[in-house]
Amino acid sequence: MTMQKQEVLQTTKFGIAINKWRILMMIVFAILACSGIICSIISGAVAVPISELKNIFIDGVNSPHQQILYNIRLPRTIVAGLVGMNLAMAGAILQAVMKNPLADPHIIGISSGAGLTGILVIVLFPAMEYLITPIAFVGAMIAAICIYLLAWKNGIRPLRIILAGVAVSAFLGAGISAILVLYSDRIHGALMWMVGGLSARSWPHVDIIWPYALIGFILAMLGSRHLNILQLGDDIAKALGVNVELTRIYLTAIGALLAASAVSVAGLLGFVGLIVPHTARLLVGSDYRYLIPSSALLGIAVVTYSDTFARVAFAPLELPVGIFMAILGAPFFLFLLRKEL
C-alpha cells in the first residue's frame, strides 16, 4: 500500500471516528433533554412520582395529579423546551453569520428589537396577543439590520458587532423604558415579560411557538451548508459561488425568527444563545450539520432544568428563569470576553 493511500485511509478512519463521537454526544444531549422535561413535569409544589407518568400519559388512568400535569406543568415544560431550542439555534446561527463568538440575540440587541415591538403590542393592543410573534420578528429584523449596517466597514469584525449591538440594545432599551413610564398603569404583565419568565404559560402559548420552532429548525438545517461555508471567510465563500450578503440576510432572518418566537412567549430571556452553542461546539465541533441539532437538544435541557430550579429552589416564591439565566450567563460572557478579545 502506498503512502498516499495510507494517509487517505487514516483520514477516512479519523473522520468516521469524529462522526461517531458527534452522534454519541447528540444522544447524550437527547437524554439530557428528555430528563430535563421529565424533571420539569414531576417537580413543583406538588411532587408527582415518576411511576405515575405512565398511568397518566400512556394508560390514561385518572389521577389526582392529572389536571396539574395536563393544564399547568406539561404546557409550561413544552414552552420552556421550545424557547430553549429556539434561542440556542438563533445564537448558533448568529455566531456564524456575524463571525462573532460572543453573538447572542440578547447581548447584541436582536431580542431588544423583538422586545420593544412585543411590549408595544402588550401595552397598546392587549387583545391582539396572537400578533406578538410576527410583529416581534419585524422588530428583531430591523434591529439585526441596524447592527449589521453599523458594524460594516470593509467587512465585519467581531469587536464592531459587539459595540454596535450594545449601542442598538441601549437605544431600544430606552424605548422600552419610555413605554413603561408612559403607560405605567398597564405594565404589570410587561415587567414580568421583560425579565424573562415562564410563569402561567399554557397551551395557547404552545400553539404560538411550536410552528416557528419547527419551521426555524428545518430552515436552519437547510442552511447548515451555508453556515459552514461562511466560517471559512468571505473570500473563500465567494470563490465557492456563494452570494455572501444575500446569504447573511437569509440566515439572519432565520435567527431573528427563532429569537422573536422565543421572546414573544418568554420575554427577554438572555444568555441561552451564548452558553448553549459554545458548549455544544466544544463537544461536537463547528460542523453546523451537527451543531444545529446539538444546540437545539442542549437548549431544551438547559432551559427546562433552569426553569425547574428557579421554580422549586425558593418555593413557594418563584424566581423568573431569566434572573437565573443571567446569574449563569454573565460570568460565562465575561470569560469568553477575556478569551476572545
C-alpha atoms as a PDB file:
ATOM      1  CA  MET A   1       0.000   0.000   0.000  1.00  0.00           C
ATOM      2  CA  THR A   2       1.403   3.396  -0.992  1.00  0.00           C
ATOM      3  CA  MET A   3       1.976   6.205   1.473  1.00  0.00           C
ATOM      4  CA  GLN A   4      -0.758   8.282  -0.158  1.00  0.00           C
ATOM      5  CA  LYS A   5      -3.323   5.505   0.209  1.00  0.00           C
ATOM      6  CA  GLN A   6      -2.350   5.040   3.862  1.00  0.00           C
ATOM      7  CA  GLU A   7      -2.862   8.748   4.527  1.00  0.00           C
ATOM      8  CA  VAL A   8      -6.267   8.677   2.823  1.00  0.00           C
ATOM      9  CA  LEU A   9      -7.251   5.602   4.844  1.00  0.00           C
ATOM     10  CA  GLN A  10      -6.130   7.201   8.118  1.00  0.00           C
ATOM     11  CA  THR A  11      -8.009  10.405   7.275  1.00  0.00           C
ATOM     12  CA  THR A  12     -11.153   8.408   6.490  1.00  0.00           C
ATOM     13  CA  LYS A  13     -10.912   6.462   9.748  1.00  0.00           C
ATOM     14  CA  PHE A  14     -10.387   9.700  11.678  1.00  0.00           C
ATOM     15  CA  GLY A  15     -13.442  11.267  10.001  1.00  0.00           C
ATOM     16  CA  ILE A  16     -15.580   8.236  10.849  1.00  0.00           C
ATOM     17  CA  ALA A  17     -14.399   8.332  14.460  1.00  0.00           C
ATOM     18  CA  ILE A  18     -15.244  12.049  14.699  1.00  0.00           C
ATOM     19  CA  ASN A  19     -18.739  11.492  13.302  1.00  0.00           C
ATOM     20  CA  LYS A  20     -19.338   8.611  15.717  1.00  0.00           C
ATOM     21  CA  TRP A  21     -18.302  10.880  18.588  1.00  0.00           C
ATOM     22  CA  ARG A  22     -20.665  13.604  17.377  1.00  0.00           C
ATOM     23  CA  ILE A  23     -23.571  11.168  17.161  1.00  0.00           C
ATOM     24  CA  LEU A  24     -22.751   9.889  20.667  1.00  0.00           C
ATOM     25  CA  MET A  25     -22.789  13.466  22.004  1.00  0.00           C
ATOM     26  CA  MET A  26     -26.122  14.124  20.302  1.00  0.00           C
ATOM     27  CA  ILE A  27     -27.543  11.032  22.007  1.00  0.00           C
ATOM     28  CA  VAL A  28     -26.235  12.357  25.340  1.00  0.00           C
ATOM     29  CA  PHE A  29     -27.869  15.746  24.636  1.00  0.00           C
ATOM     30  CA  ALA A  30     -31.137  13.983  23.761  1.00  0.00           C
ATOM     31  CA  ILE A  31     -31.024  12.090  27.054  1.00  0.00           C
ATOM     32  CA  LEU A  32     -30.376  15.352  28.931  1.00  0.00           C
ATOM     33  CA  ALA A  33     -33.301  16.995  27.127  1.00  0.00           C
ATOM     34  CA  CYS A  34     -35.660  14.128  27.978  1.00  0.00           C
ATOM     35  CA  SER A  35     -34.527  14.058  31.601  1.00  0.00           C
ATOM     36  CA  GLY A  36     -34.975  17.839  31.821  1.00  0.00           C
ATOM     37  CA  ILE A  37     -38.530  17.532  30.522  1.00  0.00           C
ATOM     38  CA  ILE A  38     -39.352  14.748  32.985  1.00  0.00           C
ATOM     39  CA  CYS A  39     -37.764  16.658  35.872  1.00  0.00           C
ATOM     40  CA  SER A  40     -39.807  19.747  34.992  1.00  0.00           C
ATOM     41  CA  ILE A  41     -43.051  17.768  34.834  1.00  0.00           C
ATOM     42  CA  ILE A  42     -42.671  15.942  38.158  1.00  0.00           C
ATOM     43  CA  SER A  43     -41.198  18.811  40.223  1.00  0.00           C
ATOM     44  CA  GLY A  44     -43.171  21.516  41.939  1.00  0.00           C
ATOM     45  CA  ALA A  45     -45.240  22.371  44.981  1.00  0.00           C
ATOM     46  CA  VAL A  46     -46.965  19.015  44.461  1.00  0.00           C
ATOM     47  CA  ALA A  47     -44.448  16.278  43.646  1.00  0.00           C
ATOM     48  CA  VAL A  48     -45.579  13.683  41.115  1.00  0.00           C
ATOM     49  CA  PRO A  49     -43.956  10.210  41.251  1.00  0.00           C
ATOM     50  CA  ILE A  50     -42.312   9.135  38.000  1.00  0.00           C
ATOM     51  CA  SER A  51     -44.209   5.849  38.174  1.00  0.00           C
ATOM     52  CA  GLU A  52     -47.456   7.794  37.812  1.00  0.00           C
ATOM     53  CA  LEU A  53     -46.468   9.351  34.481  1.00  0.00           C
ATOM     54  CA  LYS A  54     -47.064   6.088  32.621  1.00  0.00           C
ATOM     55  CA  ASN A  55     -50.502   5.721  34.208  1.00  0.00           C
ATOM     56  CA  ILE A  56     -51.480   9.265  33.230  1.00  0.00           C
ATOM     57  CA  PHE A  57     -49.949   9.731  29.772  1.00  0.00           C
ATOM     58  CA  ILE A  58     -49.981   6.194  28.360  1.00  0.00           C
ATOM     59  CA  ASP A  59     -52.725   4.283  30.157  1.00  0.00           C
ATOM     60  CA  GLY A  60     -54.998   7.325  30.582  1.00  0.00           C
ATOM     61  CA  VAL A  61     -55.726   6.492  34.209  1.00  0.00           C
ATOM     62  CA  ASN A  62     -57.456   9.273  36.150  1.00  0.00           C
ATOM     63  CA  SER A  63     -55.293  10.577  38.949  1.00  0.00           C
ATOM     64  CA  PRO A  64     -55.353  13.471  41.419  1.00  0.00           C
ATOM     65  CA  HIS A  65     -52.261  14.770  39.608  1.00  0.00           C
ATOM     66  CA  GLN A  66     -53.726  14.543  36.114  1.00  0.00           C
ATOM     67  CA  GLN A  67     -55.133  18.078  35.980  1.00  0.00           C
ATOM     68  CA  ILE A  68     -51.909  19.537  37.383  1.00  0.00           C
ATOM     69  CA  LEU A  69     -49.836  17.827  34.715  1.00  0.00           C
ATOM     70  CA  TYR A  70     -52.096  18.451  31.730  1.00  0.00           C
ATOM     71  CA  ASN A  71     -53.168  22.014  32.488  1.00  0.00           C
ATOM     72  CA  ILE A  72     -50.137  23.503  34.258  1.00  0.00           C
ATOM     73  CA  ARG A  73     -46.846  21.654  34.047  1.00  0.00           C
ATOM     74  CA  LEU A  74     -46.926  19.995  30.634  1.00  0.00           C
ATOM     75  CA  PRO A  75     -47.647  23.157  28.581  1.00  0.00           C
ATOM     76  CA  ARG A  76     -45.122  25.143  30.631  1.00  0.00           C
ATOM     77  CA  THR A  77     -42.488  22.450  30.085  1.00  0.00           C
ATOM     78  CA  ILE A  78     -43.146  22.324  26.338  1.00  0.00           C
ATOM     79  CA  VAL A  79     -42.870  26.129  26.110  1.00  0.00           C
ATOM     80  CA  ALA A  80     -39.632  26.055  28.132  1.00  0.00           C
ATOM     81  CA  GLY A  81     -38.140  23.407  25.851  1.00  0.00           C
ATOM     82  CA  LEU A  82     -39.117  25.202  22.637  1.00  0.00           C
ATOM     83  CA  VAL A  83     -37.857  28.549  23.962  1.00  0.00           C
ATOM     84  CA  GLY A  84     -34.501  26.975  24.834  1.00  0.00           C
ATOM     85  CA  MET A  85     -34.333  25.246  21.467  1.00  0.00           C
ATOM     86  CA  ASN A  86     -35.100  28.433  19.505  1.00  0.00           C
ATOM     87  CA  LEU A  87     -32.723  30.696  21.430  1.00  0.00           C
ATOM     88  CA  ALA A  88     -29.882  28.167  21.204  1.00  0.00           C
ATOM     89  CA  MET A  89     -30.290  27.757  17.442  1.00  0.00           C
ATOM     90  CA  ALA A  90     -30.581  31.530  16.990  1.00  0.00           C
ATOM     91  CA  GLY A  91     -27.323  32.040  18.899  1.00  0.00           C
ATOM     92  CA  ALA A  92     -25.522  29.372  16.870  1.00  0.00           C
ATOM     93  CA  ILE A  93     -26.679  30.908  13.584  1.00  0.00           C
ATOM     94  CA  LEU A  94     -25.810  34.483  14.553  1.00  0.00           C
ATOM     95  CA  GLN A  95     -22.321  33.485  15.707  1.00  0.00           C
ATOM     96  CA  ALA A  96     -21.580  32.174  12.202  1.00  0.00           C
ATOM     97  CA  VAL A  97     -23.331  34.951  10.294  1.00  0.00           C
ATOM     98  CA  MET A  98     -21.704  37.777  12.253  1.00  0.00           C
ATOM     99  CA  LYS A  99     -18.367  35.993  12.663  1.00  0.00           C
ATOM    100  CA  ASN A 100     -18.533  36.728  16.366  1.00  0.00           C
ATOM    101  CA  PRO A 101     -18.238  34.053  19.094  1.00  0.00           C
ATOM    102  CA  LEU A 102     -19.991  36.446  21.504  1.00  0.00           C
ATOM    103  CA  ALA A 103     -23.058  36.914  19.313  1.00  0.00           C
ATOM    104  CA  ASP A 104     -26.286  36.191  21.150  1.00  0.00           C
ATOM    105  CA  PRO A 105     -29.794  37.513  20.412  1.00  0.00           C
ATOM    106  CA  HIS A 106     -29.942  39.151  23.841  1.00  0.00           C
ATOM    107  CA  ILE A 107     -26.423  40.605  24.001  1.00  0.00           C
ATOM    108  CA  ILE A 108     -26.271  42.146  20.524  1.00  0.00           C
ATOM    109  CA  GLY A 109     -29.751  43.684  20.686  1.00  0.00           C
ATOM    110  CA  ILE A 110     -31.893  41.460  18.454  1.00  0.00           C
ATOM    111  CA  SER A 111     -34.006  40.366  21.415  1.00  0.00           C
ATOM    112  CA  SER A 112     -34.387  44.030  22.404  1.00  0.00           C
ATOM    113  CA  GLY A 113     -35.821  44.764  18.951  1.00  0.00           C
ATOM    114  CA  ALA A 114     -38.302  41.941  19.399  1.00  0.00           C
ATOM    115  CA  GLY A 115     -38.933  43.092  22.968  1.00  0.00           C
ATOM    116  CA  LEU A 116     -39.746  46.688  22.022  1.00  0.00           C
ATOM    117  CA  THR A 117     -42.284  45.728  19.367  1.00  0.00           C
ATOM    118  CA  GLY A 118     -43.686  42.975  21.595  1.00  0.00           C
ATOM    119  CA  ILE A 119     -44.222  45.367  24.509  1.00  0.00           C
ATOM    120  CA  LEU A 120     -45.967  47.797  22.160  1.00  0.00           C
ATOM    121  CA  VAL A 121     -48.492  45.064  21.381  1.00  0.00           C
ATOM    122  CA  ILE A 122     -48.854  44.025  25.047  1.00  0.00           C
ATOM    123  CA  VAL A 123     -49.397  47.606  26.253  1.00  0.00           C
ATOM    124  CA  LEU A 124     -51.347  49.157  23.390  1.00  0.00           C
ATOM    125  CA  PHE A 125     -53.197  46.173  21.887  1.00  0.00           C
ATOM    126  CA  PRO A 126     -53.511  43.525  24.640  1.00  0.00           C
ATOM    127  CA  ALA A 127     -56.345  41.758  22.815  1.00  0.00           C
ATOM    128  CA  MET A 128     -54.055  41.065  19.824  1.00  0.00           C
ATOM    129  CA  GLU A 129     -51.613  38.742  21.606  1.00  0.00           C
ATOM    130  CA  TYR A 130     -51.596  36.398  18.605  1.00  0.00           C
ATOM    131  CA  LEU A 131     -49.748  39.103  16.633  1.00  0.00           C
ATOM    132  CA  ILE A 132     -46.827  39.361  19.050  1.00  0.00           C
ATOM    133  CA  THR A 133     -44.603  36.838  17.244  1.00  0.00           C
ATOM    134  CA  PRO A 134     -44.823  38.262  13.690  1.00  0.00           C
ATOM    135  CA  ILE A 135     -44.501  41.836  14.979  1.00  0.00           C
ATOM    136  CA  ALA A 136     -41.599  40.839  17.241  1.00  0.00           C
ATOM    137  CA  PHE A 137     -39.950  39.248  14.180  1.00  0.00           C
ATOM    138  CA  VAL A 138     -40.168  42.577  12.349  1.00  0.00           C
ATOM    139  CA  GLY A 139     -38.578  44.318  15.341  1.00  0.00           C
ATOM    140  CA  ALA A 140     -35.827  41.704  15.568  1.00  0.00           C
ATOM    141  CA  MET A 141     -35.030  42.003  11.845  1.00  0.00           C
ATOM    142  CA  ILE A 142     -34.885  45.800  11.993  1.00  0.00           C
ATOM    143  CA  ALA A 143     -32.506  45.574  14.977  1.00  0.00           C
ATOM    144  CA  ALA A 144     -30.342  42.989  13.164  1.00  0.00           C
ATOM    145  CA  ILE A 145     -30.126  45.125  10.023  1.00  0.00           C
ATOM    146  CA  CYS A 146     -29.208  48.212  12.072  1.00  0.00           C
ATOM    147  CA  ILE A 147     -26.457  46.281  13.876  1.00  0.00           C
ATOM    148  CA  TYR A 148     -25.157  44.873  10.602  1.00  0.00           C
ATOM    149  CA  LEU A 149     -25.059  48.296   8.906  1.00  0.00           C
ATOM    150  CA  LEU A 150     -23.410  49.988  11.897  1.00  0.00           C
ATOM    151  CA  ALA A 151     -20.780  47.257  12.158  1.00  0.00           C
ATOM    152  CA  TRP A 152     -19.970  47.141   8.436  1.00  0.00           C
ATOM    153  CA  LYS A 153     -16.750  48.869   7.386  1.00  0.00           C
ATOM    154  CA  ASN A 154     -14.775  46.990   4.753  1.00  0.00           C
ATOM    155  CA  GLY A 155     -16.170  43.791   6.225  1.00  0.00           C
ATOM    156  CA  ILE A 156     -17.494  42.561   9.554  1.00  0.00           C
ATOM    157  CA  ARG A 157     -15.301  42.383  12.638  1.00  0.00           C
ATOM    158  CA  PRO A 158     -16.305  40.779  15.952  1.00  0.00           C
ATOM    159  CA  LEU A 159     -15.493  43.822  18.094  1.00  0.00           C
ATOM    160  CA  ARG A 160     -17.586  46.143  15.934  1.00  0.00           C
ATOM    161  CA  ILE A 161     -20.542  43.749  16.188  1.00  0.00           C
ATOM    162  CA  ILE A 162     -20.401  43.889  19.983  1.00  0.00           C
ATOM    163  CA  LEU A 163     -20.108  47.680  20.079  1.00  0.00           C
ATOM    164  CA  ALA A 164     -22.899  48.168  17.544  1.00  0.00           C
ATOM    165  CA  GLY A 165     -25.058  45.640  19.388  1.00  0.00           C
ATOM    166  CA  VAL A 166     -24.538  47.363  22.733  1.00  0.00           C
ATOM    167  CA  ALA A 167     -25.463  50.732  21.189  1.00  0.00           C
ATOM    168  CA  VAL A 168     -28.607  49.416  19.488  1.00  0.00           C
ATOM    169  CA  SER A 169     -29.621  47.474  22.610  1.00  0.00           C
ATOM    170  CA  ALA A 170     -29.233  50.616  24.771  1.00  0.00           C
ATOM    171  CA  PHE A 171     -31.314  52.657  22.324  1.00  0.00           C
ATOM    172  CA  LEU A 172     -34.093  50.056  22.196  1.00  0.00           C
ATOM    173  CA  GLY A 173     -33.936  49.612  25.972  1.00  0.00           C
ATOM    174  CA  ALA A 174     -34.563  53.345  26.339  1.00  0.00           C
ATOM    175  CA  GLY A 175     -37.630  52.944  24.122  1.00  0.00           C
ATOM    176  CA  ILE A 176     -38.913  50.086  26.283  1.00  0.00           C
ATOM    177  CA  SER A 177     -38.388  52.157  29.453  1.00  0.00           C
ATOM    178  CA  ALA A 178     -40.215  55.121  27.901  1.00  0.00           C
ATOM    179  CA  ILE A 179     -43.232  52.952  27.090  1.00  0.00           C
ATOM    180  CA  LEU A 180     -43.302  51.568  30.635  1.00  0.00           C
ATOM    181  CA  VAL A 181     -43.218  55.115  32.070  1.00  0.00           C
ATOM    182  CA  LEU A 182     -45.863  56.483  29.713  1.00  0.00           C
ATOM    183  CA  TYR A 183     -48.201  53.537  30.319  1.00  0.00           C
ATOM    184  CA  SER A 184     -47.405  52.818  33.965  1.00  0.00           C
ATOM    185  CA  ASP A 185     -50.965  51.615  34.619  1.00  0.00           C
ATOM    186  CA  ARG A 186     -50.549  48.698  32.186  1.00  0.00           C
ATOM    187  CA  ILE A 187     -47.070  47.428  32.944  1.00  0.00           C
ATOM    188  CA  HIS A 188     -47.687  44.532  35.334  1.00  0.00           C
ATOM    189  CA  GLY A 189     -47.551  41.866  32.641  1.00  0.00           C
ATOM    190  CA  ALA A 190     -44.826  43.707  30.748  1.00  0.00           C
ATOM    191  CA  LEU A 191     -42.466  43.789  33.743  1.00  0.00           C
ATOM    192  CA  MET A 192     -42.510  40.011  34.155  1.00  0.00           C
ATOM    193  CA  TRP A 193     -42.125  39.672  30.406  1.00  0.00           C
ATOM    194  CA  MET A 194     -39.032  41.920  30.416  1.00  0.00           C
ATOM    195  CA  VAL A 195     -37.030  39.834  32.897  1.00  0.00           C
ATOM    196  CA  GLY A 196     -37.904  36.595  31.106  1.00  0.00           C
ATOM    197  CA  GLY A 197     -40.197  34.110  32.771  1.00  0.00           C
ATOM    198  CA  LEU A 198     -42.395  31.110  32.081  1.00  0.00           C
ATOM    199  CA  SER A 199     -44.977  31.554  34.828  1.00  0.00           C
ATOM    200  CA  ALA A 200     -48.575  30.830  33.795  1.00  0.00           C
ATOM    201  CA  ARG A 201     -47.568  29.599  30.334  1.00  0.00           C
ATOM    202  CA  SER A 202     -50.310  27.373  28.957  1.00  0.00           C
ATOM    203  CA  TRP A 203     -51.479  25.613  25.805  1.00  0.00           C
ATOM    204  CA  PRO A 204     -52.188  28.839  23.823  1.00  0.00           C
ATOM    205  CA  HIS A 205     -48.507  29.738  24.242  1.00  0.00           C
ATOM    206  CA  VAL A 206     -47.551  26.283  22.942  1.00  0.00           C
ATOM    207  CA  ASP A 207     -49.710  26.952  19.885  1.00  0.00           C
ATOM    208  CA  ILE A 208     -47.923  30.272  19.351  1.00  0.00           C
ATOM    209  CA  ILE A 209     -44.350  28.979  19.423  1.00  0.00           C
ATOM    210  CA  TRP A 210     -44.303  25.429  18.047  1.00  0.00           C
ATOM    211  CA  PRO A 211     -44.886  26.295  14.347  1.00  0.00           C
ATOM    212  CA  TYR A 212     -41.993  28.784  14.436  1.00  0.00           C
ATOM    213  CA  ALA A 213     -39.765  26.264  16.210  1.00  0.00           C
ATOM    214  CA  LEU A 214     -40.482  23.609  13.566  1.00  0.00           C
ATOM    215  CA  ILE A 215     -40.072  25.958  10.597  1.00  0.00           C
ATOM    216  CA  GLY A 216     -36.961  27.547  12.116  1.00  0.00           C
ATOM    217  CA  PHE A 217     -35.328  24.163  12.737  1.00  0.00           C
ATOM    218  CA  ILE A 218     -35.993  22.987   9.173  1.00  0.00           C
ATOM    219  CA  LEU A 219     -34.669  26.236   7.672  1.00  0.00           C
ATOM    220  CA  ALA A 220     -31.612  26.173   9.949  1.00  0.00           C
ATOM    221  CA  MET A 221     -30.772  22.613   8.903  1.00  0.00           C
ATOM    222  CA  LEU A 222     -31.238  23.528   5.242  1.00  0.00           C
ATOM    223  CA  GLY A 223     -28.892  26.479   5.770  1.00  0.00           C
ATOM    224  CA  SER A 224     -26.242  24.455   7.634  1.00  0.00           C
ATOM    225  CA  ARG A 225     -24.107  24.093   4.491  1.00  0.00           C
ATOM    226  CA  HIS A 226     -24.002  27.860   4.013  1.00  0.00           C
ATOM    227  CA  LEU A 227     -23.215  28.358   7.708  1.00  0.00           C
ATOM    228  CA  ASN A 228     -20.226  26.036   7.318  1.00  0.00           C
ATOM    229  CA  ILE A 229     -19.044  27.959   4.261  1.00  0.00           C
ATOM    230  CA  LEU A 230     -19.369  31.360   5.978  1.00  0.00           C
ATOM    231  CA  GLN A 231     -16.981  30.165   8.669  1.00  0.00           C
ATOM    232  CA  LEU A 232     -14.266  29.865   6.009  1.00  0.00           C
ATOM    233  CA  GLY A 233     -14.319  33.611   5.343  1.00  0.00           C
ATOM    234  CA  ASP A 234     -15.986  35.847   2.777  1.00  0.00           C
ATOM    235  CA  ASP A 235     -13.316  35.429   0.077  1.00  0.00           C
ATOM    236  CA  ILE A 236     -13.478  31.633   0.122  1.00  0.00           C
ATOM    237  CA  ALA A 237     -17.290  31.719   0.262  1.00  0.00           C
ATOM    238  CA  LYS A 238     -17.405  33.959  -2.823  1.00  0.00           C
ATOM    239  CA  ALA A 239     -14.930  31.680  -4.595  1.00  0.00           C
ATOM    240  CA  LEU A 240     -17.300  28.770  -3.912  1.00  0.00           C
ATOM    241  CA  GLY A 241     -20.118  30.664  -5.625  1.00  0.00           C
ATOM    242  CA  VAL A 242     -21.987  31.878  -2.523  1.00  0.00           C
ATOM    243  CA  ASN A 243     -23.672  35.281  -2.564  1.00  0.00           C
ATOM    244  CA  VAL A 244     -22.328  36.250   0.851  1.00  0.00           C
ATOM    245  CA  GLU A 245     -24.507  39.267   1.650  1.00  0.00           C
ATOM    246  CA  LEU A 246     -27.752  37.656   0.464  1.00  0.00           C
ATOM    247  CA  THR A 247     -26.903  34.507   2.420  1.00  0.00           C
ATOM    248  CA  ARG A 248     -26.225  36.568   5.542  1.00  0.00           C
ATOM    249  CA  ILE A 249     -29.598  38.302   5.245  1.00  0.00           C
ATOM    250  CA  TYR A 250     -31.395  34.958   4.772  1.00  0.00           C
ATOM    251  CA  LEU A 251     -29.641  33.317   7.739  1.00  0.00           C
ATOM    252  CA  THR A 252     -30.072  36.411   9.929  1.00  0.00           C
ATOM    253  CA  ALA A 253     -33.791  36.274   9.159  1.00  0.00           C
ATOM    254  CA  ILE A 254     -33.896  32.670  10.394  1.00  0.00           C
ATOM    255  CA  GLY A 255     -32.077  33.647  13.601  1.00  0.00           C
ATOM    256  CA  ALA A 256     -34.381  36.635  14.094  1.00  0.00           C
ATOM    257  CA  LEU A 257     -37.473  34.466  13.574  1.00  0.00           C
ATOM    258  CA  LEU A 258     -36.280  31.952  16.172  1.00  0.00           C
ATOM    259  CA  ALA A 259     -35.360  34.685  18.666  1.00  0.00           C
ATOM    260  CA  ALA A 260     -38.622  36.583  18.136  1.00  0.00           C
ATOM    261  CA  SER A 261     -40.773  33.496  18.657  1.00  0.00           C
ATOM    262  CA  ALA A 262     -38.960  32.769  21.933  1.00  0.00           C
ATOM    263  CA  VAL A 263     -39.213  36.391  23.109  1.00  0.00           C
ATOM    264  CA  SER A 264     -42.918  36.517  22.268  1.00  0.00           C
ATOM    265  CA  VAL A 265     -43.771  33.813  24.815  1.00  0.00           C
ATOM    266  CA  ALA A 266     -40.948  34.001  27.390  1.00  0.00           C
ATOM    267  CA  GLY A 267     -39.868  37.638  27.319  1.00  0.00           C
ATOM    268  CA  LEU A 268     -36.263  38.843  27.272  1.00  0.00           C
ATOM    269  CA  LEU A 269     -34.561  35.634  28.326  1.00  0.00           C
ATOM    270  CA  GLY A 270     -30.844  36.130  27.879  1.00  0.00           C
ATOM    271  CA  PHE A 271     -27.608  34.146  27.571  1.00  0.00           C
ATOM    272  CA  VAL A 272     -29.165  30.877  26.341  1.00  0.00           C
ATOM    273  CA  GLY A 273     -27.963  31.671  22.834  1.00  0.00           C
ATOM    274  CA  LEU A 274     -24.457  32.287  24.167  1.00  0.00           C
ATOM    275  CA  ILE A 275     -23.927  29.431  26.625  1.00  0.00           C
ATOM    276  CA  VAL A 276     -25.527  26.578  24.708  1.00  0.00           C
ATOM    277  CA  PRO A 277     -23.888  26.907  21.248  1.00  0.00           C
ATOM    278  CA  HIS A 278     -20.432  27.317  22.817  1.00  0.00           C
ATOM    279  CA  THR A 279     -20.899  24.236  24.973  1.00  0.00           C
ATOM    280  CA  ALA A 280     -22.204  22.216  22.031  1.00  0.00           C
ATOM    281  CA  ARG A 281     -19.354  23.439  19.817  1.00  0.00           C
ATOM    282  CA  LEU A 282     -16.762  22.260  22.329  1.00  0.00           C
ATOM    283  CA  LEU A 283     -18.229  18.755  22.220  1.00  0.00           C
ATOM    284  CA  VAL A 284     -19.344  18.246  18.603  1.00  0.00           C
ATOM    285  CA  GLY A 285     -17.197  20.746  16.686  1.00  0.00           C
ATOM    286  CA  SER A 286     -18.166  23.543  14.301  1.00  0.00           C
ATOM    287  CA  ASP A 287     -19.917  21.486  11.628  1.00  0.00           C
ATOM    288  CA  TYR A 288     -23.400  23.019  11.598  1.00  0.00           C
ATOM    289  CA  ARG A 289     -24.985  19.796  10.364  1.00  0.00           C
ATOM    290  CA  TYR A 290     -24.340  18.524  13.887  1.00  0.00           C
ATOM    291  CA  LEU A 291     -24.143  21.816  15.779  1.00  0.00           C
ATOM    292  CA  ILE A 292     -27.720  22.918  14.987  1.00  0.00           C
ATOM    293  CA  PRO A 293     -29.463  19.766  16.329  1.00  0.00           C
ATOM    294  CA  SER A 294     -26.981  19.547  19.221  1.00  0.00           C
ATOM    295  CA  SER A 295     -27.690  23.154  20.206  1.00  0.00           C
ATOM    296  CA  ALA A 296     -31.431  22.531  19.943  1.00  0.00           C
ATOM    297  CA  LEU A 297     -31.297  19.497  22.249  1.00  0.00           C
ATOM    298  CA  LEU A 298     -28.950  21.119  24.735  1.00  0.00           C
ATOM    299  CA  GLY A 299     -31.079  24.284  24.708  1.00  0.00           C
ATOM    300  CA  ILE A 300     -34.113  22.219  25.705  1.00  0.00           C
ATOM    301  CA  ALA A 301     -32.150  20.667  28.573  1.00  0.00           C
ATOM    302  CA  VAL A 302     -30.697  23.956  29.858  1.00  0.00           C
ATOM    303  CA  VAL A 303     -33.957  25.910  29.948  1.00  0.00           C
ATOM    304  CA  THR A 304     -36.119  23.090  31.352  1.00  0.00           C
ATOM    305  CA  TYR A 305     -33.610  22.375  34.116  1.00  0.00           C
ATOM    306  CA  SER A 306     -33.132  26.109  34.823  1.00  0.00           C
ATOM    307  CA  ASP A 307     -36.868  26.761  34.956  1.00  0.00           C
ATOM    308  CA  THR A 308     -37.369  23.805  37.274  1.00  0.00           C
ATOM    309  CA  PHE A 309     -34.641  25.043  39.620  1.00  0.00           C
ATOM    310  CA  ALA A 310     -35.964  28.621  39.565  1.00  0.00           C
ATOM    311  CA  ARG A 311     -39.453  27.286  40.327  1.00  0.00           C
ATOM    312  CA  VAL A 312     -38.618  24.982  43.247  1.00  0.00           C
ATOM    313  CA  ALA A 313     -35.417  26.362  44.811  1.00  0.00           C
ATOM    314  CA  PHE A 314     -37.160  29.197  46.684  1.00  0.00           C
ATOM    315  CA  ALA A 315     -40.654  27.698  46.930  1.00  0.00           C
ATOM    316  CA  PRO A 316     -43.291  28.990  47.482  1.00  0.00           C
ATOM    317  CA  LEU A 317     -41.607  32.027  45.863  1.00  0.00           C
ATOM    318  CA  GLU A 318     -40.982  31.520  42.145  1.00  0.00           C
ATOM    319  CA  LEU A 319     -37.868  33.128  40.677  1.00  0.00           C
ATOM    320  CA  PRO A 320     -38.200  34.139  36.985  1.00  0.00           C
ATOM    321  CA  VAL A 321     -35.961  31.903  34.910  1.00  0.00           C
ATOM    322  CA  GLY A 322     -34.477  34.989  33.222  1.00  0.00           C
ATOM    323  CA  ILE A 323     -32.842  36.031  36.500  1.00  0.00           C
ATOM    324  CA  PHE A 324     -31.359  32.571  36.986  1.00  0.00           C
ATOM    325  CA  MET A 325     -30.030  32.512  33.398  1.00  0.00           C
ATOM    326  CA  ALA A 326     -28.432  35.935  33.924  1.00  0.00           C
ATOM    327  CA  ILE A 327     -26.666  34.630  37.040  1.00  0.00           C
ATOM    328  CA  LEU A 328     -25.277  31.743  34.973  1.00  0.00           C
ATOM    329  CA  GLY A 329     -24.655  33.657  31.783  1.00  0.00           C
ATOM    330  CA  ALA A 330     -22.916  36.833  32.941  1.00  0.00           C
ATOM    331  CA  PRO A 331     -19.751  35.060  34.254  1.00  0.00           C
ATOM    332  CA  PHE A 332     -19.716  32.890  31.104  1.00  0.00           C
ATOM    333  CA  PHE A 333     -19.873  36.016  28.931  1.00  0.00           C
ATOM    334  CA  LEU A 334     -17.011  37.665  30.841  1.00  0.00           C
ATOM    335  CA  PHE A 335     -14.920  34.506  30.451  1.00  0.00           C
ATOM    336  CA  LEU A 336     -15.459  34.487  26.687  1.00  0.00           C
ATOM    337  CA  LEU A 337     -14.835  38.232  26.503  1.00  0.00           C
ATOM    338  CA  ARG A 338     -11.397  37.851  28.075  1.00  0.00           C
ATOM    339  CA  LYS A 339     -10.638  34.803  25.944  1.00  0.00           C
ATOM    340  CA  GLU A 340     -11.708  36.122  22.541  1.00  0.00           C
ATOM    341  CA  LEU A 341     -10.903  39.860  22.600  1.00  0.00           C
END
